[in-house]
Amino acid sequence: MAKKTKKQHQQGGTPATVALTAAGAEYTVHAYEHDPSHPSYGEEAAEAMGVSPERVFKTLVADVDGALTVAVVPVSGQLDLKALATAVGGKRAAMADPALAERTTGYVRGGISPLGQRKRLPTVLDDSASAHPTICVSAGRRGLEVELAPGTLTALTGAVLAPIGRG
């Protein structure tokens, strides 16, 4: 993976790529033409990059007992809300209101990144990520993904690994 330079990120960087650069992390940016009519942002990213859907992770924002929490799961499956609640010591979880998720993270739906959020939220990464040397997550806008090691993602977000994905 190539380490990006500051100059590259001053030209179209996102808060996610700026955070990665500031941390000195190794990552690769993948850009593709976003098709607004595609039924799944995550599956579109996997197809466009030619990457297995098990290695492309979507970022979802849930409400766990009244607190917003970020869940990062493979696009090939779904989020298990009960498992997410358990992973953070909560009782009940539901998907967060999309407008609230956008305001809190600073990103638009379909482009929410677990990195560089306006307000850092508790984050849980599905433990299947550890089976891959690198995974892809949103780089902060539709049509832009960042590939990085799962350990880098957990270190920069303070994420815990837990079995929160299903299917």
C-alpha atoms as a PDB file:
ATOM      1  CA  MET A   1       0.000   0.000   0.000  1.00  0.00           C
ATOM      2  CA  ALA A   2       1.221   3.445  -0.769  1.00  0.00           C
ATOM      3  CA  LYS A   3       1.391   6.069   1.905  1.00  0.00           C
ATOM      4  CA  LYS A   4      -0.279   9.240   0.682  1.00  0.00           C
ATOM      5  CA  THR A   5       1.391  12.618   0.975  1.00  0.00           C
ATOM      6  CA  LYS A   6      -0.091  15.783   2.427  1.00  0.00           C
ATOM      7  CA  LYS A   7      -0.073  17.411  -1.002  1.00  0.00           C
ATOM      8  CA  GLN A   8      -2.239  14.606  -2.395  1.00  0.00           C
ATOM      9  CA  HIS A   9      -4.790  15.183   0.348  1.00  0.00           C
ATOM     10  CA  GLN A  10      -4.899  18.928   0.016  1.00  0.00           C
ATOM     11  CA  GLN A  11      -6.265  18.226  -3.466  1.00  0.00           C
ATOM     12  CA  GLY A  12      -9.628  16.630  -2.662  1.00  0.00           C
ATOM     13  CA  GLY A  13      -8.934  14.987   0.665  1.00  0.00           C
ATOM     14  CA  THR A  14     -11.727  14.073   3.017  1.00  0.00           C
ATOM     15  CA  PRO A  15     -11.697  14.204   6.821  1.00  0.00           C
ATOM     16  CA  ALA A  16     -11.052  10.434   6.725  1.00  0.00           C
ATOM     17  CA  THR A  17      -7.977  10.673   4.498  1.00  0.00           C
ATOM     18  CA  VAL A  18      -6.730  13.716   6.398  1.00  0.00           C
ATOM     19  CA  ALA A  19      -7.007  11.737   9.669  1.00  0.00           C
ATOM     20  CA  LEU A  20      -5.125   8.800   8.130  1.00  0.00           C
ATOM     21  CA  THR A  21      -2.374  11.061   6.843  1.00  0.00           C
ATOM     22  CA  ALA A  22      -2.089  12.897  10.172  1.00  0.00           C
ATOM     23  CA  ALA A  23      -1.712   9.530  11.937  1.00  0.00           C
ATOM     24  CA  GLY A  24       1.009   8.439   9.518  1.00  0.00           C
ATOM     25  CA  ALA A  25      -1.081   5.399   8.571  1.00  0.00           C
ATOM     26  CA  GLU A  26      -0.528   3.279   5.487  1.00  0.00           C
ATOM     27  CA  TYR A  27      -3.539   3.193   3.196  1.00  0.00           C
ATOM     28  CA  THR A  28      -4.623   3.251  -0.423  1.00  0.00           C
ATOM     29  CA  VAL A  29      -7.443   5.338  -1.845  1.00  0.00           C
ATOM     30  CA  HIS A  30      -9.725   3.788  -4.484  1.00  0.00           C
ATOM     31  CA  ALA A  31     -11.975   6.111  -6.479  1.00  0.00           C
ATOM     32  CA  TYR A  32     -14.759   4.981  -8.791  1.00  0.00           C
ATOM     33  CA  GLU A  33     -17.691   6.556 -10.605  1.00  0.00           C
ATOM     34  CA  HIS A  34     -20.694   6.386  -8.263  1.00  0.00           C
ATOM     35  CA  ASP A  35     -23.974   5.345  -9.880  1.00  0.00           C
ATOM     36  CA  PRO A  36     -26.860   6.953  -7.919  1.00  0.00           C
ATOM     37  CA  SER A  37     -29.264   4.303  -9.253  1.00  0.00           C
ATOM     38  CA  HIS A  38     -27.284   1.357  -7.817  1.00  0.00           C
ATOM     39  CA  PRO A  39     -29.340  -0.344  -5.071  1.00  0.00           C
ATOM     40  CA  SER A  40     -26.385  -0.842  -2.670  1.00  0.00           C
ATOM     41  CA  TYR A  41     -23.523   1.578  -2.045  1.00  0.00           C
ATOM     42  CA  GLY A  42     -21.329  -1.188  -0.612  1.00  0.00           C
ATOM     43  CA  GLU A  43     -21.946  -3.741  -3.335  1.00  0.00           C
ATOM     44  CA  GLU A  44     -21.368  -1.014  -5.920  1.00  0.00           C
ATOM     45  CA  ALA A  45     -17.978  -0.280  -4.330  1.00  0.00           C
ATOM     46  CA  ALA A  46     -16.986  -3.965  -4.315  1.00  0.00           C
ATOM     47  CA  GLU A  47     -17.980  -4.381  -7.968  1.00  0.00           C
ATOM     48  CA  ALA A  48     -16.281  -1.164  -9.090  1.00  0.00           C
ATOM     49  CA  MET A  49     -13.013  -2.021  -7.320  1.00  0.00           C
ATOM     50  CA  GLY A  50     -13.081  -5.720  -8.207  1.00  0.00           C
ATOM     51  CA  VAL A  51     -12.799  -6.611  -4.525  1.00  0.00           C
ATOM     52  CA  SER A  52     -14.614  -9.432  -2.738  1.00  0.00           C
ATOM     53  CA  PRO A  53     -17.685  -8.101  -0.843  1.00  0.00           C
ATOM     54  CA  GLU A  54     -16.321  -9.831   2.284  1.00  0.00           C
ATOM     55  CA  ARG A  55     -13.412  -7.319   2.248  1.00  0.00           C
ATOM     56  CA  VAL A  56     -15.557  -4.221   1.682  1.00  0.00           C
ATOM     57  CA  PHE A  57     -17.135  -2.937   4.885  1.00  0.00           C
ATOM     58  CA  LYS A  58     -20.056  -0.558   5.294  1.00  0.00           C
ATOM     59  CA  THR A  59     -20.297   1.970   8.099  1.00  0.00           C
ATOM     60  CA  LEU A  60     -23.649   2.086   9.853  1.00  0.00           C
ATOM     61  CA  VAL A  61     -24.759   4.297  12.722  1.00  0.00           C
ATOM     62  CA  ALA A  62     -27.043   2.799  15.337  1.00  0.00           C
ATOM     63  CA  ASP A  63     -28.650   4.011  18.531  1.00  0.00           C
ATOM     64  CA  VAL A  64     -27.685   1.773  21.437  1.00  0.00           C
ATOM     65  CA  ASP A  65     -29.643   2.633  24.585  1.00  0.00           C
ATOM     66  CA  GLY A  66     -29.771   6.292  23.504  1.00  0.00           C
ATOM     67  CA  ALA A  67     -26.119   6.594  22.441  1.00  0.00           C
ATOM     68  CA  LEU A  68     -25.004   6.714  18.814  1.00  0.00           C
ATOM     69  CA  THR A  69     -22.633   3.874  17.976  1.00  0.00           C
ATOM     70  CA  VAL A  70     -20.790   3.046  14.749  1.00  0.00           C
ATOM     71  CA  ALA A  71     -20.936  -0.499  13.356  1.00  0.00           C
ATOM     72  CA  VAL A  72     -18.580  -1.567  10.570  1.00  0.00           C
ATOM     73  CA  VAL A  73     -19.692  -4.772   8.836  1.00  0.00           C
ATOM     74  CA  PRO A  74     -19.065  -6.507   5.498  1.00  0.00           C
ATOM     75  CA  VAL A  75     -21.299  -5.325   2.658  1.00  0.00           C
ATOM     76  CA  SER A  76     -21.980  -9.008   1.931  1.00  0.00           C
ATOM     77  CA  GLY A  77     -24.083  -9.294   5.093  1.00  0.00           C
ATOM     78  CA  GLN A  78     -26.163  -7.368   7.570  1.00  0.00           C
ATOM     79  CA  LEU A  79     -25.721  -5.822  10.980  1.00  0.00           C
ATOM     80  CA  ASP A  80     -26.948  -7.897  13.918  1.00  0.00           C
ATOM     81  CA  LEU A  81     -28.355  -5.157  16.160  1.00  0.00           C
ATOM     82  CA  LYS A  82     -28.614  -7.404  19.211  1.00  0.00           C
ATOM     83  CA  ALA A  83     -24.942  -8.415  18.833  1.00  0.00           C
ATOM     84  CA  LEU A  84     -23.964  -4.747  18.470  1.00  0.00           C
ATOM     85  CA  ALA A  85     -25.764  -3.842  21.693  1.00  0.00           C
ATOM     86  CA  THR A  86     -24.051  -6.723  23.479  1.00  0.00           C
ATOM     87  CA  ALA A  87     -20.632  -5.681  22.130  1.00  0.00           C
ATOM     88  CA  VAL A  88     -20.909  -2.250  23.766  1.00  0.00           C
ATOM     89  CA  GLY A  89     -22.620  -3.427  26.956  1.00  0.00           C
ATOM     90  CA  GLY A  90     -26.052  -2.209  25.919  1.00  0.00           C
ATOM     91  CA  LYS A  91     -29.487  -3.782  25.911  1.00  0.00           C
ATOM     92  CA  ARG A  92     -31.244  -2.448  22.800  1.00  0.00           C
ATOM     93  CA  ALA A  93     -30.052  -1.191  19.446  1.00  0.00           C
ATOM     94  CA  ALA A  94     -31.876   0.297  16.479  1.00  0.00           C
ATOM     95  CA  MET A  95     -30.672   2.018  13.357  1.00  0.00           C
ATOM     96  CA  ALA A  96     -30.120   5.726  13.985  1.00  0.00           C
ATOM     97  CA  ASP A  97     -32.121   8.405  12.252  1.00  0.00           C
ATOM     98  CA  PRO A  98     -30.223   9.041   8.979  1.00  0.00           C
ATOM     99  CA  ALA A  99     -30.296  12.841   9.395  1.00  0.00           C
ATOM    100  CA  LEU A 100     -28.891  12.553  12.928  1.00  0.00           C
ATOM    101  CA  ALA A 101     -26.181  10.157  11.709  1.00  0.00           C
ATOM    102  CA  GLU A 102     -25.209  12.627   8.977  1.00  0.00           C
ATOM    103  CA  ARG A 103     -25.139  15.632  11.332  1.00  0.00           C
ATOM    104  CA  THR A 104     -23.136  13.780  13.982  1.00  0.00           C
ATOM    105  CA  THR A 105     -20.536  12.214  11.675  1.00  0.00           C
ATOM    106  CA  GLY A 106     -20.271  15.054   9.159  1.00  0.00           C
ATOM    107  CA  TYR A 107     -20.758  12.649   6.265  1.00  0.00           C
ATOM    108  CA  VAL A 108     -23.682  11.881   3.941  1.00  0.00           C
ATOM    109  CA  ARG A 109     -25.434   8.512   3.911  1.00  0.00           C
ATOM    110  CA  GLY A 110     -23.602   6.123   1.626  1.00  0.00           C
ATOM    111  CA  GLY A 111     -20.376   7.992   2.336  1.00  0.00           C
ATOM    112  CA  ILE A 112     -20.116   7.730   6.127  1.00  0.00           C
ATOM    113  CA  SER A 113     -16.596   6.752   7.090  1.00  0.00           C
ATOM    114  CA  PRO A 114     -15.582   5.322  10.454  1.00  0.00           C
ATOM    115  CA  LEU A 115     -12.583   7.693  10.246  1.00  0.00           C
ATOM    116  CA  GLY A 116     -12.453  11.468  10.661  1.00  0.00           C
ATOM    117  CA  GLN A 117     -15.974  11.860  11.984  1.00  0.00           C
ATOM    118  CA  ARG A 118     -17.092  15.244  13.300  1.00  0.00           C
ATOM    119  CA  LYS A 119     -17.826  13.629  16.674  1.00  0.00           C
ATOM    120  CA  ARG A 120     -15.944  10.447  17.552  1.00  0.00           C
ATOM    121  CA  LEU A 121     -18.439   7.721  18.374  1.00  0.00           C
ATOM    122  CA  PRO A 122     -17.936   4.304  19.969  1.00  0.00           C
ATOM    123  CA  THR A 123     -17.087   1.936  17.126  1.00  0.00           C
ATOM    124  CA  VAL A 124     -17.423  -1.826  16.684  1.00  0.00           C
ATOM    125  CA  LEU A 125     -15.750  -3.639  13.784  1.00  0.00           C
ATOM    126  CA  ASP A 126     -17.056  -7.048  12.795  1.00  0.00           C
ATOM    127  CA  ASP A 127     -14.471  -9.627  13.801  1.00  0.00           C
ATOM    128  CA  SER A 128     -14.461 -11.102  10.272  1.00  0.00           C
ATOM    129  CA  ALA A 129     -12.193  -8.174   9.329  1.00  0.00           C
ATOM    130  CA  SER A 130      -9.274  -9.864  11.096  1.00  0.00           C
ATOM    131  CA  ALA A 131      -9.352 -12.649   8.470  1.00  0.00           C
ATOM    132  CA  HIS A 132      -8.096 -10.201   5.819  1.00  0.00           C
ATOM    133  CA  PRO A 133      -4.738  -8.414   5.515  1.00  0.00           C
ATOM    134  CA  THR A 134      -6.621  -5.299   4.320  1.00  0.00           C
ATOM    135  CA  ILE A 135     -10.232  -4.176   4.172  1.00  0.00           C
ATOM    136  CA  CYS A 136     -11.957  -1.297   2.420  1.00  0.00           C
ATOM    137  CA  VAL A 137     -14.182   1.286   4.107  1.00  0.00           C
ATOM    138  CA  SER A 138     -15.685   4.541   2.913  1.00  0.00           C
ATOM    139  CA  ALA A 139     -13.171   7.347   2.613  1.00  0.00           C
ATOM    140  CA  GLY A 140     -15.876   9.901   3.332  1.00  0.00           C
ATOM    141  CA  ARG A 141     -17.875  10.269   0.156  1.00  0.00           C
ATOM    142  CA  ARG A 142     -19.734   8.121  -2.313  1.00  0.00           C
ATOM    143  CA  GLY A 143     -17.351   6.723  -4.909  1.00  0.00           C
ATOM    144  CA  LEU A 144     -14.285   6.874  -2.663  1.00  0.00           C
ATOM    145  CA  GLU A 145     -12.958   3.993  -0.551  1.00  0.00           C
ATOM    146  CA  VAL A 146      -9.868   3.605   1.564  1.00  0.00           C
ATOM    147  CA  GLU A 147      -8.024   0.274   1.885  1.00  0.00           C
ATOM    148  CA  LEU A 148      -6.152  -0.318   5.121  1.00  0.00           C
ATOM    149  CA  ALA A 149      -5.213  -3.006   7.610  1.00  0.00           C
ATOM    150  CA  PRO A 150      -7.971  -3.883  10.102  1.00  0.00           C
ATOM    151  CA  GLY A 151      -5.533  -3.156  12.941  1.00  0.00           C
ATOM    152  CA  THR A 152      -4.995   0.354  11.617  1.00  0.00           C
ATOM    153  CA  LEU A 153      -8.740   0.958  11.573  1.00  0.00           C
ATOM    154  CA  THR A 154      -9.211  -0.323  15.127  1.00  0.00           C
ATOM    155  CA  ALA A 155      -6.265   1.719  16.402  1.00  0.00           C
ATOM    156  CA  LEU A 156      -7.458   4.975  14.829  1.00  0.00           C
ATOM    157  CA  THR A 157     -11.123   4.612  15.809  1.00  0.00           C
ATOM    158  CA  GLY A 158     -10.711   2.885  19.172  1.00  0.00           C
ATOM    159  CA  ALA A 159     -12.935   0.144  17.770  1.00  0.00           C
ATOM    160  CA  VAL A 160     -13.574  -3.165  19.446  1.00  0.00           C
ATOM    161  CA  LEU A 161     -13.764  -6.357  17.417  1.00  0.00           C
ATOM    162  CA  ALA A 162     -16.942  -8.382  17.880  1.00  0.00           C
ATOM    163  CA  PRO A 163     -19.163 -10.721  15.840  1.00  0.00           C
ATOM    164  CA  ILE A 164     -21.757  -8.132  14.824  1.00  0.00           C
ATOM    165  CA  GLY A 165     -22.334  -9.152  11.204  1.00  0.00           C
ATOM    166  CA  ARG A 166     -24.601 -11.901   9.948  1.00  0.00           C
ATOM    167  CA  GLY A 167     -25.294 -13.506   6.606  1.00  0.00           C
END
